[in-house]
Protein backbone atom coordinates (compact mmCIF):
# COMPACT_ATOMS: atom_id res chain seq x y z
CA MET A 1 13.70 36.67 -37.50
CA ILE A 2 13.48 34.17 -34.67
CA LEU A 3 15.72 31.72 -36.48
CA ARG A 4 18.26 34.49 -37.23
CA ASN A 5 18.28 35.48 -33.58
CA LEU A 6 18.93 31.89 -32.54
CA GLU A 7 21.85 31.71 -34.96
CA ARG A 8 23.29 34.98 -33.66
CA LYS A 9 23.30 33.86 -30.04
CA PRO A 10 23.85 30.09 -29.91
CA VAL A 11 25.73 30.22 -26.59
CA GLN A 12 22.96 32.13 -24.87
CA GLY A 13 20.37 29.74 -26.30
CA PHE A 14 22.39 26.74 -25.15
CA PHE A 15 22.65 27.95 -21.57
CA SER A 16 19.00 28.97 -21.51
CA THR A 17 18.01 25.50 -22.68
CA LEU A 18 20.32 23.87 -20.16
CA GLY A 19 19.00 26.00 -17.29
CA ILE A 20 15.37 25.26 -18.09
CA ALA A 21 16.14 21.55 -18.56
CA LEU A 22 17.84 21.55 -15.15
CA SER A 23 14.72 23.06 -13.61
CA VAL A 24 12.53 20.39 -15.20
CA ALA A 25 14.91 17.67 -13.96
CA ILE A 26 14.79 19.01 -10.39
CA LEU A 27 11.00 19.15 -10.50
CA THR A 28 10.82 15.62 -11.84
CA MET A 29 13.04 14.42 -8.99
CA GLY A 30 10.82 16.15 -6.42
CA PHE A 31 7.61 14.63 -7.75
CA PHE A 32 9.36 11.25 -8.12
CA MET A 33 10.39 11.17 -4.45
CA PHE A 34 6.87 12.00 -3.36
CA ASP A 35 5.28 9.38 -5.66
CA SER A 36 7.80 6.72 -4.64
CA VAL A 37 7.24 7.14 -0.91
CA GLN A 38 3.47 7.24 -1.38
CA HIS A 39 3.66 4.01 -3.39
CA MET A 40 5.84 2.37 -0.73
CA MET A 41 3.47 3.38 2.10
CA ASP A 42 0.38 2.28 0.20
CA LEU A 43 1.92 -1.09 -0.64
CA GLN A 44 3.18 -1.76 2.88
CA PHE A 45 0.31 -0.51 5.03
CA ARG A 46 -2.72 -1.11 2.81
CA HIS A 47 -1.86 -4.25 0.84
CA ILE A 48 0.71 -6.21 2.87
CA GLN A 49 -0.23 -5.34 6.45
CA ARG A 50 -4.00 -5.73 6.35
CA GLU A 51 -4.45 -6.50 10.05
CA ASP A 52 -5.96 -3.99 12.46
CA LEU A 53 -3.70 -5.05 15.34
CA ALA A 54 -0.42 -6.96 15.45
CA LEU A 55 0.38 -8.65 18.77
CA THR A 56 3.79 -9.69 20.05
CA PHE A 57 3.98 -12.27 22.82
CA ARG A 58 6.48 -12.17 25.69
CA GLU A 59 7.41 -15.79 25.02
CA GLN A 60 6.46 -18.58 22.67
CA LEU A 61 2.88 -19.73 23.23
CA PRO A 62 0.90 -22.73 21.95
CA GLU A 63 -1.05 -22.29 18.75
CA ALA A 64 -4.27 -22.72 20.76
CA VAL A 65 -3.91 -19.10 21.94
CA GLN A 66 -5.69 -18.03 18.77
CA PHE A 67 -8.96 -19.46 20.08
CA GLU A 68 -8.73 -17.36 23.23
CA LEU A 69 -8.09 -14.26 21.14
CA ALA A 70 -10.91 -15.12 18.74
CA ASN A 71 -13.36 -15.23 21.67
CA LEU A 72 -12.76 -11.57 22.51
CA ASP A 73 -15.72 -9.32 21.70
CA GLY A 74 -15.12 -7.41 18.47
CA VAL A 75 -12.44 -9.75 17.06
CA ASN A 76 -13.38 -10.97 13.58
CA ARG A 77 -10.31 -12.96 12.55
CA VAL A 78 -7.10 -14.19 14.19
CA GLU A 79 -3.95 -15.39 12.42
CA THR A 80 -0.91 -16.42 14.44
CA TYR A 81 2.66 -16.29 13.20
CA ARG A 82 6.01 -17.82 14.13
CA THR A 83 9.29 -15.93 13.85
CA VAL A 84 12.64 -17.71 14.19
CA ALA A 85 16.13 -16.20 14.04
CA ALA A 86 18.30 -18.09 11.56
CA ARG A 87 21.50 -17.95 9.57
CA LEU A 88 21.19 -18.57 5.84
CA ARG A 89 24.19 -20.06 4.04
CA ALA A 90 24.87 -20.37 0.34
CA GLY A 91 28.40 -21.62 -0.17
CA HIS A 92 30.74 -19.14 1.51
CA LEU A 93 28.01 -16.48 1.69
CA GLU A 94 25.79 -16.10 4.74
CA ASP A 95 23.38 -13.70 6.42
CA GLU A 96 21.42 -13.66 9.66
CA VAL A 97 17.70 -12.98 9.29
CA ALA A 98 14.35 -13.65 10.90
CA ILE A 99 12.20 -16.24 9.14
CA GLN A 100 8.51 -15.50 9.47
CA GLY A 101 6.09 -18.39 9.30
CA LEU A 102 2.56 -17.49 8.18
CA ASP A 103 -0.65 -19.41 7.74
CA PHE A 104 -0.87 -21.04 4.34
CA ASP A 105 -4.09 -19.11 3.61
CA SER A 106 -3.09 -15.92 5.43
CA GLN A 107 -5.33 -12.97 4.62
CA LEU A 108 -4.19 -10.38 7.17
CA ARG A 109 -0.51 -10.50 6.28
CA ARG A 110 0.13 -11.19 2.61
CA ILE A 111 3.21 -11.45 0.42
CA ILE A 112 2.90 -8.69 -2.19
CA ASN A 113 5.53 -7.81 -4.79
CA SER A 114 6.40 -4.32 -6.03
CA ARG A 115 3.75 -4.49 -8.76
CA GLY A 116 0.99 -5.22 -6.25
CA ALA A 117 0.57 -8.88 -7.22
CA GLU A 118 0.14 -11.44 -4.45
CA ILE A 119 2.80 -14.15 -4.19
CA PRO A 120 1.29 -17.46 -2.99
CA LEU A 121 3.01 -18.98 0.04
CA PRO A 122 4.59 -22.32 -0.92
CA ALA A 123 3.86 -25.44 1.12
CA ASP A 124 7.59 -25.78 1.76
CA GLY A 125 10.65 -23.75 0.90
CA LEU A 126 11.48 -20.08 1.34
CA VAL A 127 10.37 -16.83 -0.25
CA LEU A 128 13.21 -14.29 -0.09
CA SER A 129 13.62 -10.59 -0.70
CA THR A 130 15.37 -10.03 -4.01
CA MET A 131 18.02 -7.95 -2.25
CA LEU A 132 18.79 -10.83 0.11
CA ALA A 133 18.82 -13.27 -2.81
CA ARG A 134 21.33 -11.07 -4.66
CA ARG A 135 23.48 -10.90 -1.55
CA LEU A 136 23.47 -14.70 -1.22
CA GLN A 137 23.64 -15.15 -5.02
CA VAL A 138 20.71 -17.57 -5.16
CA GLU A 139 17.74 -17.96 -7.46
CA PRO A 140 14.46 -19.90 -7.26
CA GLY A 141 15.31 -23.61 -7.26
CA ASP A 142 18.61 -23.20 -5.41
CA GLN A 143 19.21 -24.77 -2.01
CA LEU A 144 20.02 -22.82 1.17
CA ILE A 145 21.43 -24.13 4.45
CA VAL A 146 19.30 -22.78 7.29
CA GLU A 147 20.89 -22.78 10.74
CA PHE A 148 18.34 -21.96 13.44
CA LEU A 149 19.81 -19.73 16.15
CA GLN A 150 17.30 -20.58 18.87
CA GLY A 151 15.44 -23.58 20.22
CA LYS A 152 16.97 -26.86 19.10
CA ARG A 153 19.35 -24.97 16.77
CA ARG A 154 18.92 -27.38 13.90
CA SER A 155 20.68 -27.08 10.56
CA VAL A 156 18.60 -28.05 7.51
CA THR A 157 18.64 -27.60 3.75
CA VAL A 158 15.69 -25.66 2.33
CA PRO A 159 14.90 -24.80 -1.31
CA VAL A 160 14.28 -21.25 -2.48
CA ASN A 161 10.80 -21.31 -4.01
CA GLY A 162 10.29 -17.63 -4.77
CA LEU A 163 11.61 -14.08 -4.69
CA ILE A 164 9.80 -10.90 -3.76
CA GLU A 165 10.69 -7.30 -4.53
CA ASP A 166 9.96 -5.45 -1.29
CA TYR A 167 11.00 -2.12 0.16
CA LEU A 168 11.19 -2.51 3.95
CA GLY A 169 13.65 -4.84 5.63
CA LEU A 170 14.99 -8.18 4.39
CA SER A 171 11.99 -10.50 4.36
CA VAL A 172 12.11 -14.29 4.54
CA TYR A 173 8.77 -16.11 4.49
CA MET A 174 7.64 -19.71 4.65
CA SER A 175 4.54 -21.54 5.75
CA LYS A 176 4.10 -21.85 9.50
CA ALA A 177 3.63 -25.62 9.31
CA ALA A 178 6.87 -26.07 7.35
CA LEU A 179 8.74 -23.85 9.80
CA TRP A 180 7.43 -25.88 12.74
CA GLN A 181 8.63 -29.06 11.11
CA LEU A 182 12.10 -27.74 10.28
CA SER A 183 12.74 -26.08 13.63
CA GLY A 184 11.48 -29.07 15.61
CA GLU A 185 9.24 -26.85 17.77
CA PRO A 186 5.68 -27.50 16.59
CA THR A 187 2.60 -25.45 17.49
CA LEU A 188 4.54 -22.57 19.02
CA VAL A 189 3.86 -18.97 17.95
CA ASN A 190 5.37 -15.55 18.70
CA GLY A 191 2.41 -13.32 17.96
CA ALA A 192 -0.87 -12.84 16.17
CA PHE A 193 -2.62 -10.61 13.65
CA LEU A 194 -6.14 -9.47 14.50
CA SER A 195 -8.98 -8.12 12.41
CA ILE A 196 -11.38 -6.23 14.66
CA ASP A 197 -14.45 -4.02 14.65
CA GLU A 198 -13.36 -0.41 14.79
CA SER A 199 -16.03 0.34 17.39
CA ALA A 200 -14.46 -2.21 19.76
CA ARG A 201 -10.83 -1.04 19.36
CA ASP A 202 -10.60 0.75 22.72
CA GLU A 203 -12.16 -2.15 24.60
CA ILE A 204 -9.87 -4.70 22.92
CA ASN A 205 -6.79 -2.59 23.63
CA THR A 206 -7.79 -2.36 27.29
CA THR A 207 -8.31 -6.11 27.50
CA LEU A 208 -4.98 -6.91 25.81
CA LYS A 209 -3.11 -4.65 28.25
CA GLU A 210 -4.30 -6.90 31.04
CA TYR A 211 -2.67 -9.96 29.42
CA PRO A 212 0.87 -10.36 30.80
CA ALA A 213 1.79 -12.59 27.85
CA VAL A 214 1.23 -9.72 25.37
CA THR A 215 4.22 -7.37 25.30
CA GLY A 216 3.34 -5.30 22.26
CA VAL A 217 0.27 -4.16 20.34
CA ALA A 218 0.91 -2.37 17.04
CA SER A 219 -1.61 -0.81 14.71
CA PRO A 220 -0.66 -0.41 11.02
CA ALA A 221 -3.14 2.47 10.78
CA SER A 222 -1.34 4.29 13.59
CA MET A 223 2.04 3.53 12.04
CA LEU A 224 0.81 4.88 8.70
CA GLU A 225 -0.43 8.04 10.40
CA SER A 226 2.91 8.53 12.15
CA PHE A 227 4.75 7.82 8.91
CA GLU A 228 2.66 10.44 7.09
CA GLU A 229 3.42 12.98 9.82
CA VAL A 230 7.13 12.33 9.37
CA LEU A 231 6.59 12.52 5.62
CA ALA A 232 4.88 15.88 5.96
CA GLU A 233 7.71 17.20 8.13
CA SER A 234 10.61 15.96 6.04
CA LEU A 235 9.87 14.78 2.54
CA LEU A 236 7.20 17.36 1.74
CA VAL A 237 9.47 20.13 2.98
CA SER A 238 12.30 18.77 0.84
CA SER A 239 10.01 18.45 -2.18
CA GLY A 240 8.70 21.96 -1.59
CA PHE A 241 12.26 23.27 -1.47
CA LEU A 242 13.03 21.51 -4.76
CA LEU A 243 9.90 22.95 -6.37
CA GLY A 244 10.71 26.46 -5.18
CA PHE A 245 14.36 26.16 -6.21
CA ALA A 246 13.42 24.87 -9.66
CA GLY A 247 10.84 27.63 -10.07
CA VAL A 248 13.42 30.31 -9.21
CA ILE A 249 15.86 28.84 -11.73
CA ALA A 250 13.22 28.63 -14.45
CA VAL A 251 11.90 32.15 -13.92
CA GLY A 252 15.41 33.55 -13.63
CA VAL A 253 16.67 31.88 -16.80
CA ILE A 254 13.65 32.70 -18.94
CA TYR A 255 13.20 36.22 -17.60
CA ASN A 256 16.88 37.15 -17.86
CA ALA A 257 17.15 35.76 -21.39
CA ALA A 258 14.09 37.73 -22.47
CA ARG A 259 15.35 40.90 -20.76
CA ILE A 260 18.73 40.58 -22.44
CA SER A 261 17.02 40.17 -25.80
CA LEU A 262 14.84 43.19 -25.06
CA SER A 263 17.85 45.31 -24.16
CA GLU A 264 19.84 44.28 -27.24
CA ARG A 265 16.95 44.54 -29.71
CA GLY A 266 15.05 47.44 -28.25
CA ARG A 267 15.84 49.66 -31.25
CA GLU A 268 14.73 46.98 -33.73
CA LEU A 269 11.50 46.33 -31.86
CA ALA A 270 10.75 50.04 -31.58
CA SER A 271 11.32 50.39 -35.32
CA LEU A 272 8.83 47.61 -35.96
CA ARG A 273 6.29 49.40 -33.77
CA VAL A 274 6.79 52.62 -35.74
CA MET A 275 6.38 50.68 -38.97
CA GLY A 276 2.91 49.63 -37.85
CA LEU A 277 3.27 46.30 -36.06
CA HIS A 278 0.96 45.84 -33.09
CA ARG A 279 2.33 45.39 -29.56
CA ARG A 280 1.19 41.80 -29.55
CA GLU A 281 3.06 41.03 -32.77
CA VAL A 282 6.26 42.61 -31.48
CA ALA A 283 5.96 40.68 -28.23
CA MET A 284 5.56 37.43 -30.16
CA LEU A 285 8.78 38.16 -32.05
CA LEU A 286 10.63 38.78 -28.80
CA LEU A 287 9.17 35.99 -26.70
CA GLY A 288 8.91 33.42 -29.49
CA GLU A 289 12.59 32.60 -29.09
CA GLN A 290 12.13 31.82 -25.41
CA GLY A 291 9.04 29.81 -26.23
CA ILE A 292 11.02 27.63 -28.65
CA VAL A 293 13.85 27.21 -26.14
CA THR A 294 11.39 26.22 -23.40
CA PHE A 295 9.55 23.83 -25.71
CA PHE A 296 12.73 21.88 -26.51
CA ALA A 297 14.17 22.17 -22.97
CA ILE A 298 11.22 20.44 -21.27
CA PRO A 299 11.68 17.00 -22.95
CA LEU A 300 15.44 17.28 -22.36
CA GLY A 301 14.78 17.96 -18.67
CA TRP A 302 12.44 14.97 -18.53
CA GLY A 303 15.22 12.73 -19.82
CA ILE A 304 17.76 14.10 -17.34
CA GLY A 305 15.25 13.82 -14.49
CA TYR A 306 14.39 10.24 -15.43
CA ALA A 307 18.06 9.27 -15.37
CA LEU A 308 18.60 10.99 -12.00
CA CYS A 309 15.53 9.32 -10.50
CA TYR A 310 16.76 5.92 -11.63
CA ALA A 311 20.18 6.66 -10.10
CA ILE A 312 18.53 7.63 -6.80
CA ALA A 313 16.32 4.52 -6.73
CA THR A 314 19.21 2.16 -7.47
CA GLY A 315 21.62 4.02 -5.17
CA ILE A 316 19.42 3.99 -2.05
CA GLN A 317 19.39 0.27 -1.30
CA THR A 318 19.83 -0.55 2.40
CA ASP A 319 18.75 -3.37 4.69
CA ILE A 320 16.18 -1.07 6.28
CA TYR A 321 14.47 0.37 3.22
CA ARG A 322 14.70 0.75 -0.54
CA ILE A 323 13.32 3.56 -2.69
CA PRO A 324 11.04 2.15 -5.41
CA PHE A 325 11.54 3.41 -8.94
CA VAL A 326 8.02 4.62 -9.64
CA THR A 327 7.40 6.77 -12.71
CA ASP A 328 4.02 8.21 -13.51
CA VAL A 329 2.90 10.25 -16.51
CA ARG A 330 1.54 12.82 -14.07
CA THR A 331 5.07 13.38 -12.74
CA PHE A 332 6.23 14.58 -16.14
CA LEU A 333 3.03 16.50 -16.83
CA TRP A 334 3.26 18.37 -13.52
CA SER A 335 6.92 19.26 -13.99
CA GLY A 336 6.32 20.40 -17.57
CA SER A 337 3.25 22.42 -16.56
CA TYR A 338 5.16 24.07 -13.73
CA ILE A 339 7.91 25.23 -16.10
CA ALA A 340 5.34 26.34 -18.67
CA LEU A 341 3.67 28.44 -15.97
CA ALA A 342 7.03 29.93 -14.98
CA ALA A 343 7.70 30.77 -18.64
CA PHE A 344 4.27 32.38 -18.96
CA VAL A 345 4.81 34.56 -15.87
CA SER A 346 8.26 35.60 -17.08
CA GLY A 347 6.91 36.40 -20.53
CA TRP A 348 4.07 38.42 -19.06
CA ILE A 349 6.51 40.52 -17.00
CA VAL A 350 8.75 41.14 -20.02
CA LYS A 351 5.74 42.02 -22.18
CA ARG A 352 4.68 44.67 -19.67
CA ARG A 353 8.14 46.22 -19.88
CA LEU A 354 7.99 46.03 -23.66
CA ASP A 355 4.65 47.85 -23.70
CA GLN A 356 6.15 50.65 -21.60
CA ILE A 357 9.02 51.36 -24.00
CA GLU A 358 9.19 55.00 -25.14
CA LEU A 359 9.58 54.64 -28.89
CA VAL A 360 11.12 58.06 -29.52
CA GLU A 361 13.75 57.70 -26.77
CA VAL A 362 14.73 54.22 -27.95
CA LEU A 363 15.05 55.32 -31.58
CA LYS A 364 17.24 58.26 -30.54
CA THR A 365 19.62 55.91 -28.72
CA ARG A 366 22.76 55.04 -30.67
CA GLU A 367 23.67 51.35 -30.96
């Protein structure tokens, strides 16, 4: 009977399948956005930025400033860095960026790719963001002309030794020693990364505020907390709206399809009850069609959602941030479970209406 019903109403079955698949796709997109941003935050603030405090100096200072910072009570490790504004040229293509020079064995600020693997800092040469490399049309082994925009404003040729898939900004890294040599301004630094004892944070912050050379003190933990607050206010609200919208669509499609079937086949179902079929058996005949439609619509929705998520990840590519394409089995399981729950609730409501049918009145009704 179920197969005959599907043959009798192919258009209704098609639109029911499409509506449920659309709900699954919307749910998949919502969970994808949440997982992607969580992955981006975890990568940036827990794996790349491992320092407790990041200092910015008012002007360039000698490298020896790290010893003064290391002598502060509660400071466990100090790593200085050098940042230089430069113009990168590859043929007729160019872009202005900030080259960041790190310690060769830097532990507080590491170069991590999108898969979480650490990229070793080369002794010479540059490590570029893949987006910047695509813009300049260069690959590892190619040569770039670097024009420094400050200091002695030298112009040098530097090889590209590596690429990194990152999500925030356009990163350009090289070893601090190599950057000193190329820029012609040795042993000068712009800031420092500090690893501190948490119990001494307040005291260290107070001491650093008294240093006129320190213009900024940033804490990745505080930035992560602020980012999560913004996430809770914006992304979670958006995801919640998507979940609610998808749930309404799923319940509406499944419930309406089952109600239409109940209205059209009420006389047949009542006849089956009179012939001796139990309420549960009659309900299975009615709701089995919707169960089959839902079963085939969920994988279809997963495929549509996967394609939409890929389009979003590849479409949102700016100099400020990129959305990582992160897919997790749990994303599909959650979206499928959510639709299955919506189908169960809709079926339960329809079954209650089916149980309340007055058999005699239905059988007296003319078709």
